Amino acid sequence: IFDTAAGPMAMILVGAMIVAGIETVWAG
């Protein structure tokens, strides 16, 4: 969840079959 000039924004990263991981730039 981000605070933006367009109000709250959600960016949702969805996992899937054989996806070996999800990373973010702030937490790895």
PDB file of all heavy atoms in Angstrom:
ATOM      1  N   ILE A   1       0.843  -1.194   0.000  1.00  0.00           N
ATOM      2  CA  ILE A   1       0.000   0.000   0.000  1.00  0.00           C
ATOM      3  C   ILE A   1       0.882   1.250   0.000  1.00  0.00           C
ATOM      4  O   ILE A   1       1.748   1.412   0.870  1.00  0.00           O
ATOM      5  CB  ILE A   1      -0.931   0.031   1.233  1.00  0.00           C
ATOM      6  CG1 ILE A   1      -1.745  -1.264   1.322  1.00  0.00           C
ATOM      7  CG2 ILE A   1      -1.841   1.256   1.181  1.00  0.00           C
ATOM      8  CD1 ILE A   1      -2.698  -1.492   0.178  1.00  0.00           C
ATOM      9  N   PHE A   2       0.650   2.124  -0.972  1.00  0.00           N
ATOM     10  CA  PHE A   2       1.420   3.353  -1.111  1.00  0.00           C
ATOM     11  C   PHE A   2       0.509   4.572  -0.983  1.00  0.00           C
ATOM     12  O   PHE A   2      -0.663   4.534  -1.385  1.00  0.00           O
ATOM     13  CB  PHE A   2       2.102   3.410  -2.481  1.00  0.00           C
ATOM     14  CG  PHE A   2       3.186   2.390  -2.689  1.00  0.00           C
ATOM     15  CD1 PHE A   2       2.884   1.134  -3.197  1.00  0.00           C
ATOM     16  CD2 PHE A   2       4.499   2.687  -2.390  1.00  0.00           C
ATOM     17  CE1 PHE A   2       3.876   0.190  -3.406  1.00  0.00           C
ATOM     18  CE2 PHE A   2       5.503   1.755  -2.588  1.00  0.00           C
ATOM     19  CZ  PHE A   2       5.193   0.498  -3.095  1.00  0.00           C
ATOM     20  N   ASP A   3       1.063   5.649  -0.465  1.00  0.00           N
ATOM     21  CA  ASP A   3       0.404   6.955  -0.476  1.00  0.00           C
ATOM     22  C   ASP A   3       0.925   7.710  -1.696  1.00  0.00           C
ATOM     23  O   ASP A   3       2.146   7.881  -1.843  1.00  0.00           O
ATOM     24  CB  ASP A   3       0.721   7.713   0.806  1.00  0.00           C
ATOM     25  CG  ASP A   3       0.035   9.071   0.856  1.00  0.00           C
ATOM     26  OD1 ASP A   3      -1.098   9.184   0.340  1.00  0.00           O
ATOM     27  OD2 ASP A   3       0.633  10.029   1.394  1.00  0.00           O
ATOM     28  N   THR A   4       0.030   8.131  -2.597  1.00  0.00           N
ATOM     29  CA  THR A   4       0.435   8.777  -3.842  1.00  0.00           C
ATOM     30  C   THR A   4      -0.374  10.051  -4.077  1.00  0.00           C
ATOM     31  O   THR A   4      -1.324  10.345  -3.345  1.00  0.00           O
ATOM     32  CB  THR A   4       0.219   7.836  -5.050  1.00  0.00           C
ATOM     33  OG1 THR A   4      -1.174   7.815  -5.392  1.00  0.00           O
ATOM     34  CG2 THR A   4       0.675   6.414  -4.752  1.00  0.00           C
ATOM     35  N   ALA A   5      -0.032  10.771  -5.132  1.00  0.00           N
ATOM     36  CA  ALA A   5      -0.788  11.968  -5.510  1.00  0.00           C
ATOM     37  C   ALA A   5      -2.196  11.618  -5.954  1.00  0.00           C
ATOM     38  O   ALA A   5      -3.067  12.498  -6.020  1.00  0.00           O
ATOM     39  CB  ALA A   5      -0.051  12.701  -6.634  1.00  0.00           C
ATOM     40  N   ALA A   6      -2.451  10.343  -6.252  1.00  0.00           N
ATOM     41  CA  ALA A   6      -3.793   9.878  -6.617  1.00  0.00           C
ATOM     42  C   ALA A   6      -4.465   9.182  -5.440  1.00  0.00           C
ATOM     43  O   ALA A   6      -5.422   8.434  -5.627  1.00  0.00           O
ATOM     44  CB  ALA A   6      -3.705   8.927  -7.802  1.00  0.00           C
ATOM     45  N   GLY A   7      -3.993   9.438  -4.233  1.00  0.00           N
ATOM     46  CA  GLY A   7      -4.544   8.780  -3.053  1.00  0.00           C
ATOM     47  C   GLY A   7      -3.899   7.423  -2.832  1.00  0.00           C
ATOM     48  O   GLY A   7      -2.875   7.092  -3.442  1.00  0.00           O
ATOM     49  N   PRO A   8      -4.488   6.590  -1.987  1.00  0.00           N
ATOM     50  CA  PRO A   8      -3.916   5.260  -1.743  1.00  0.00           C
ATOM     51  C   PRO A   8      -3.858   4.431  -3.019  1.00  0.00           C
ATOM     52  O   PRO A   8      -4.772   4.456  -3.832  1.00  0.00           O
ATOM     53  CB  PRO A   8      -4.887   4.643  -0.721  1.00  0.00           C
ATOM     54  CG  PRO A   8      -5.551   5.804  -0.073  1.00  0.00           C
ATOM     55  CD  PRO A   8      -5.672   6.852  -1.142  1.00  0.00           C
ATOM     56  N   MET A   9      -2.749   3.714  -3.169  1.00  0.00           N
ATOM     57  CA  MET A   9      -2.575   2.797  -4.297  1.00  0.00           C
ATOM     58  C   MET A   9      -2.082   1.465  -3.752  1.00  0.00           C
ATOM     59  O   MET A   9      -1.202   1.437  -2.888  1.00  0.00           O
ATOM     60  CB  MET A   9      -1.545   3.333  -5.296  1.00  0.00           C
ATOM     61  CG  MET A   9      -1.189   2.343  -6.411  1.00  0.00           C
ATOM     62  SD  MET A   9       0.175   2.907  -7.488  1.00  0.00           S
ATOM     63  CE  MET A   9       1.590   2.715  -6.394  1.00  0.00           C
ATOM     64  N   ALA A  10      -2.643   0.369  -4.233  1.00  0.00           N
ATOM     65  CA  ALA A  10      -2.157  -0.962  -3.884  1.00  0.00           C
ATOM     66  C   ALA A  10      -1.460  -1.568  -5.094  1.00  0.00           C
ATOM     67  O   ALA A  10      -1.979  -1.526  -6.204  1.00  0.00           O
ATOM     68  CB  ALA A  10      -3.301  -1.865  -3.439  1.00  0.00           C
ATOM     69  N   MET A  11      -0.282  -2.114  -4.857  1.00  0.00           N
ATOM     70  CA  MET A  11       0.427  -2.915  -5.848  1.00  0.00           C
ATOM     71  C   MET A  11       0.501  -4.313  -5.256  1.00  0.00           C
ATOM     72  O   MET A  11       1.146  -4.524  -4.223  1.00  0.00           O
ATOM     73  CB  MET A  11       1.824  -2.355  -6.104  1.00  0.00           C
ATOM     74  CG  MET A  11       1.817  -0.970  -6.726  1.00  0.00           C
ATOM     75  SD  MET A  11       1.375  -0.997  -8.485  1.00  0.00           S
ATOM     76  CE  MET A  11       2.879  -1.656  -9.186  1.00  0.00           C
ATOM     77  N   ILE A  12      -0.161  -5.272  -5.900  1.00  0.00           N
ATOM     78  CA  ILE A  12      -0.286  -6.618  -5.344  1.00  0.00           C
ATOM     79  C   ILE A  12       0.476  -7.594  -6.234  1.00  0.00           C
ATOM     80  O   ILE A  12       0.141  -7.778  -7.405  1.00  0.00           O
ATOM     81  CB  ILE A  12      -1.766  -7.023  -5.228  1.00  0.00           C
ATOM     82  CG1 ILE A  12      -2.509  -5.996  -4.364  1.00  0.00           C
ATOM     83  CG2 ILE A  12      -1.888  -8.428  -4.639  1.00  0.00           C
ATOM     84  CD1 ILE A  12      -4.007  -6.169  -4.341  1.00  0.00           C
ATOM     85  N   LEU A  13       1.522  -8.191  -5.680  1.00  0.00           N
ATOM     86  CA  LEU A  13       2.332  -9.164  -6.392  1.00  0.00           C
ATOM     87  C   LEU A  13       1.794 -10.553  -6.070  1.00  0.00           C
ATOM     88  O   LEU A  13       1.827 -10.981  -4.910  1.00  0.00           O
ATOM     89  CB  LEU A  13       3.800  -9.040  -5.975  1.00  0.00           C
ATOM     90  CG  LEU A  13       4.417  -7.640  -6.105  1.00  0.00           C
ATOM     91  CD1 LEU A  13       5.860  -7.636  -5.627  1.00  0.00           C
ATOM     92  CD2 LEU A  13       4.331  -7.133  -7.534  1.00  0.00           C
ATOM     93  N   VAL A  14       1.283 -11.240  -7.083  1.00  0.00           N
ATOM     94  CA  VAL A  14       0.600 -12.519  -6.896  1.00  0.00           C
ATOM     95  C   VAL A  14       1.534 -13.664  -7.251  1.00  0.00           C
ATOM     96  O   VAL A  14       2.084 -13.710  -8.354  1.00  0.00           O
ATOM     97  CB  VAL A  14      -0.669 -12.597  -7.767  1.00  0.00           C
ATOM     98  CG1 VAL A  14      -1.420 -13.905  -7.502  1.00  0.00           C
ATOM     99  CG2 VAL A  14      -1.587 -11.403  -7.502  1.00  0.00           C
ATOM    100  N   GLY A  15       1.701 -14.601  -6.331  1.00  0.00           N
ATOM    101  CA  GLY A  15       2.510 -15.778  -6.591  1.00  0.00           C
ATOM    102  C   GLY A  15       1.771 -16.760  -7.469  1.00  0.00           C
ATOM    103  O   GLY A  15       0.584 -16.624  -7.747  1.00  0.00           O
ATOM    104  N   ALA A  16       2.491 -17.799  -7.925  1.00  0.00           N
ATOM    105  CA  ALA A  16       1.887 -18.781  -8.826  1.00  0.00           C
ATOM    106  C   ALA A  16       2.694 -20.070  -8.799  1.00  0.00           C
ATOM    107  O   ALA A  16       3.741 -20.144  -8.155  1.00  0.00           O
ATOM    108  CB  ALA A  16       1.829 -18.226 -10.247  1.00  0.00           C
ATOM    109  N   MET A  17       2.198 -21.072  -9.514  1.00  0.00           N
ATOM    110  CA  MET A  17       2.874 -22.362  -9.619  1.00  0.00           C
ATOM    111  C   MET A  17       4.314 -22.180 -10.080  1.00  0.00           C
ATOM    112  O   MET A  17       4.571 -21.469 -11.041  1.00  0.00           O
ATOM    113  CB  MET A  17       2.121 -23.257 -10.602  1.00  0.00           C
ATOM    114  CG  MET A  17       2.687 -24.644 -10.745  1.00  0.00           C
ATOM    115  SD  MET A  17       2.239 -25.723  -9.384  1.00  0.00           S
ATOM    116  CE  MET A  17       0.506 -26.027  -9.750  1.00  0.00           C
ATOM    117  N   ILE A  18       5.235 -22.799  -9.378  1.00  0.00           N
ATOM    118  CA  ILE A  18       6.692 -22.801  -9.576  1.00  0.00           C
ATOM    119  C   ILE A  18       7.325 -21.414  -9.509  1.00  0.00           C
ATOM    120  O   ILE A  18       8.489 -21.246  -9.864  1.00  0.00           O
ATOM    121  CB  ILE A  18       7.149 -23.537 -10.863  1.00  0.00           C
ATOM    122  CG1 ILE A  18       6.838 -22.746 -12.135  1.00  0.00           C
ATOM    123  CG2 ILE A  18       6.597 -24.949 -10.914  1.00  0.00           C
ATOM    124  CD1 ILE A  18       7.462 -23.326 -13.398  1.00  0.00           C
ATOM    125  N   VAL A  19       6.613 -20.389  -9.039  1.00  0.00           N
ATOM    126  CA  VAL A  19       7.257 -19.112  -8.769  1.00  0.00           C
ATOM    127  C   VAL A  19       8.155 -19.310  -7.559  1.00  0.00           C
ATOM    128  O   VAL A  19       7.694 -19.685  -6.481  1.00  0.00           O
ATOM    129  CB  VAL A  19       6.234 -17.984  -8.510  1.00  0.00           C
ATOM    130  CG1 VAL A  19       6.928 -16.724  -8.001  1.00  0.00           C
ATOM    131  CG2 VAL A  19       5.483 -17.673  -9.791  1.00  0.00           C
ATOM    132  N   ALA A  20       9.455 -19.089  -7.747  1.00  0.00           N
ATOM    133  CA  ALA A  20      10.424 -19.406  -6.707  1.00  0.00           C
ATOM    134  C   ALA A  20      10.560 -18.300  -5.667  1.00  0.00           C
ATOM    135  O   ALA A  20      11.299 -18.442  -4.710  1.00  0.00           O
ATOM    136  CB  ALA A  20      11.785 -19.685  -7.352  1.00  0.00           C
ATOM    137  N   GLY A  21       9.857 -17.202  -5.837  1.00  0.00           N
ATOM    138  CA  GLY A  21       9.920 -16.161  -4.829  1.00  0.00           C
ATOM    139  C   GLY A  21       9.440 -14.820  -5.336  1.00  0.00           C
ATOM    140  O   GLY A  21       9.423 -14.548  -6.542  1.00  0.00           O
ATOM    141  N   ILE A  22       9.029 -13.980  -4.385  1.00  0.00           N
ATOM    142  CA  ILE A  22       8.667 -12.594  -4.644  1.00  0.00           C
ATOM    143  C   ILE A  22       9.657 -11.729  -3.864  1.00  0.00           C
ATOM    144  O   ILE A  22       9.946 -11.999  -2.694  1.00  0.00           O
ATOM    145  CB  ILE A  22       7.229 -12.296  -4.177  1.00  0.00           C
ATOM    146  CG1 ILE A  22       6.216 -13.093  -5.010  1.00  0.00           C
ATOM    147  CG2 ILE A  22       6.918 -10.806  -4.267  1.00  0.00           C
ATOM    148  CD1 ILE A  22       4.792 -13.011  -4.484  1.00  0.00           C
ATOM    149  N   GLU A  23      10.191 -10.707  -4.498  1.00  0.00           N
ATOM    150  CA  GLU A  23      11.132  -9.802  -3.845  1.00  0.00           C
ATOM    151  C   GLU A  23      10.632  -8.367  -3.934  1.00  0.00           C
ATOM    152  O   GLU A  23       9.922  -8.004  -4.878  1.00  0.00           O
ATOM    153  CB  GLU A  23      12.513  -9.867  -4.503  1.00  0.00           C
ATOM    154  CG  GLU A  23      13.247 -11.179  -4.318  1.00  0.00           C
ATOM    155  CD  GLU A  23      14.657 -11.132  -4.886  1.00  0.00           C
ATOM    156  OE1 GLU A  23      15.040 -10.070  -5.447  1.00  0.00           O
ATOM    157  OE2 GLU A  23      15.373 -12.136  -4.778  1.00  0.00           O
ATOM    158  N   THR A  24      11.002  -7.540  -2.945  1.00  0.00           N
ATOM    159  CA  THR A  24      10.790  -6.099  -3.021  1.00  0.00           C
ATOM    160  C   THR A  24      12.141  -5.410  -2.878  1.00  0.00           C
ATOM    161  O   THR A  24      13.091  -5.985  -2.340  1.00  0.00           O
ATOM    162  CB  THR A  24       9.847  -5.600  -1.909  1.00  0.00           C
ATOM    163  OG1 THR A  24      10.460  -5.812  -0.627  1.00  0.00           O
ATOM    164  CG2 THR A  24       8.503  -6.317  -1.962  1.00  0.00           C
ATOM    165  N   VAL A  25      12.220  -4.176  -3.357  1.00  0.00           N
ATOM    166  CA  VAL A  25      13.497  -3.462  -3.298  1.00  0.00           C
ATOM    167  C   VAL A  25      13.826  -3.020  -1.880  1.00  0.00           C
ATOM    168  O   VAL A  25      14.988  -2.744  -1.574  1.00  0.00           O
ATOM    169  CB  VAL A  25      13.496  -2.242  -4.251  1.00  0.00           C
ATOM    170  CG1 VAL A  25      13.345  -2.685  -5.697  1.00  0.00           C
ATOM    171  CG2 VAL A  25      12.399  -1.237  -3.888  1.00  0.00           C
ATOM    172  N   TRP A  26      12.832  -2.938  -1.010  1.00  0.00           N
ATOM    173  CA  TRP A  26      13.087  -2.472   0.356  1.00  0.00           C
ATOM    174  C   TRP A  26      13.322  -3.614   1.355  1.00  0.00           C
ATOM    175  O   TRP A  26      13.881  -3.401   2.422  1.00  0.00           O
ATOM    176  CB  TRP A  26      11.941  -1.590   0.852  1.00  0.00           C
ATOM    177  CG  TRP A  26      10.599  -2.265   0.822  1.00  0.00           C
ATOM    178  CD1 TRP A  26      10.044  -3.084   1.756  1.00  0.00           C
ATOM    179  CD2 TRP A  26       9.640  -2.189  -0.237  1.00  0.00           C
ATOM    180  NE1 TRP A  26       8.818  -3.529   1.362  1.00  0.00           N
ATOM    181  CE2 TRP A  26       8.524  -2.992   0.144  1.00  0.00           C
ATOM    182  CE3 TRP A  26       9.588  -1.522  -1.461  1.00  0.00           C
ATOM    183  CZ2 TRP A  26       7.401  -3.137  -0.673  1.00  0.00           C
ATOM    184  CZ3 TRP A  26       8.471  -1.681  -2.263  1.00  0.00           C
ATOM    185  CH2 TRP A  26       7.395  -2.479  -1.860  1.00  0.00           C
ATOM    186  N   ALA A  27      12.891  -4.836   1.019  1.00  0.00           N
ATOM    187  CA  ALA A  27      13.011  -5.925   1.989  1.00  0.00           C
ATOM    188  C   ALA A  27      13.617  -7.193   1.417  1.00  0.00           C
ATOM    189  O   ALA A  27      13.837  -8.148   2.157  1.00  0.00           O
ATOM    190  CB  ALA A  27      11.641  -6.247   2.584  1.00  0.00           C
ATOM    191  N   GLY A  28      13.910  -7.221   0.119  1.00  0.00           N
ATOM    192  CA  GLY A  28      14.454  -8.424  -0.489  1.00  0.00           C
ATOM    193  C   GLY A  28      13.413  -9.525  -0.602  1.00  0.00           C
ATOM    194  O   GLY A  28      12.224  -9.252  -0.750  1.00  0.00           O
TER     195      GLY A  28
END
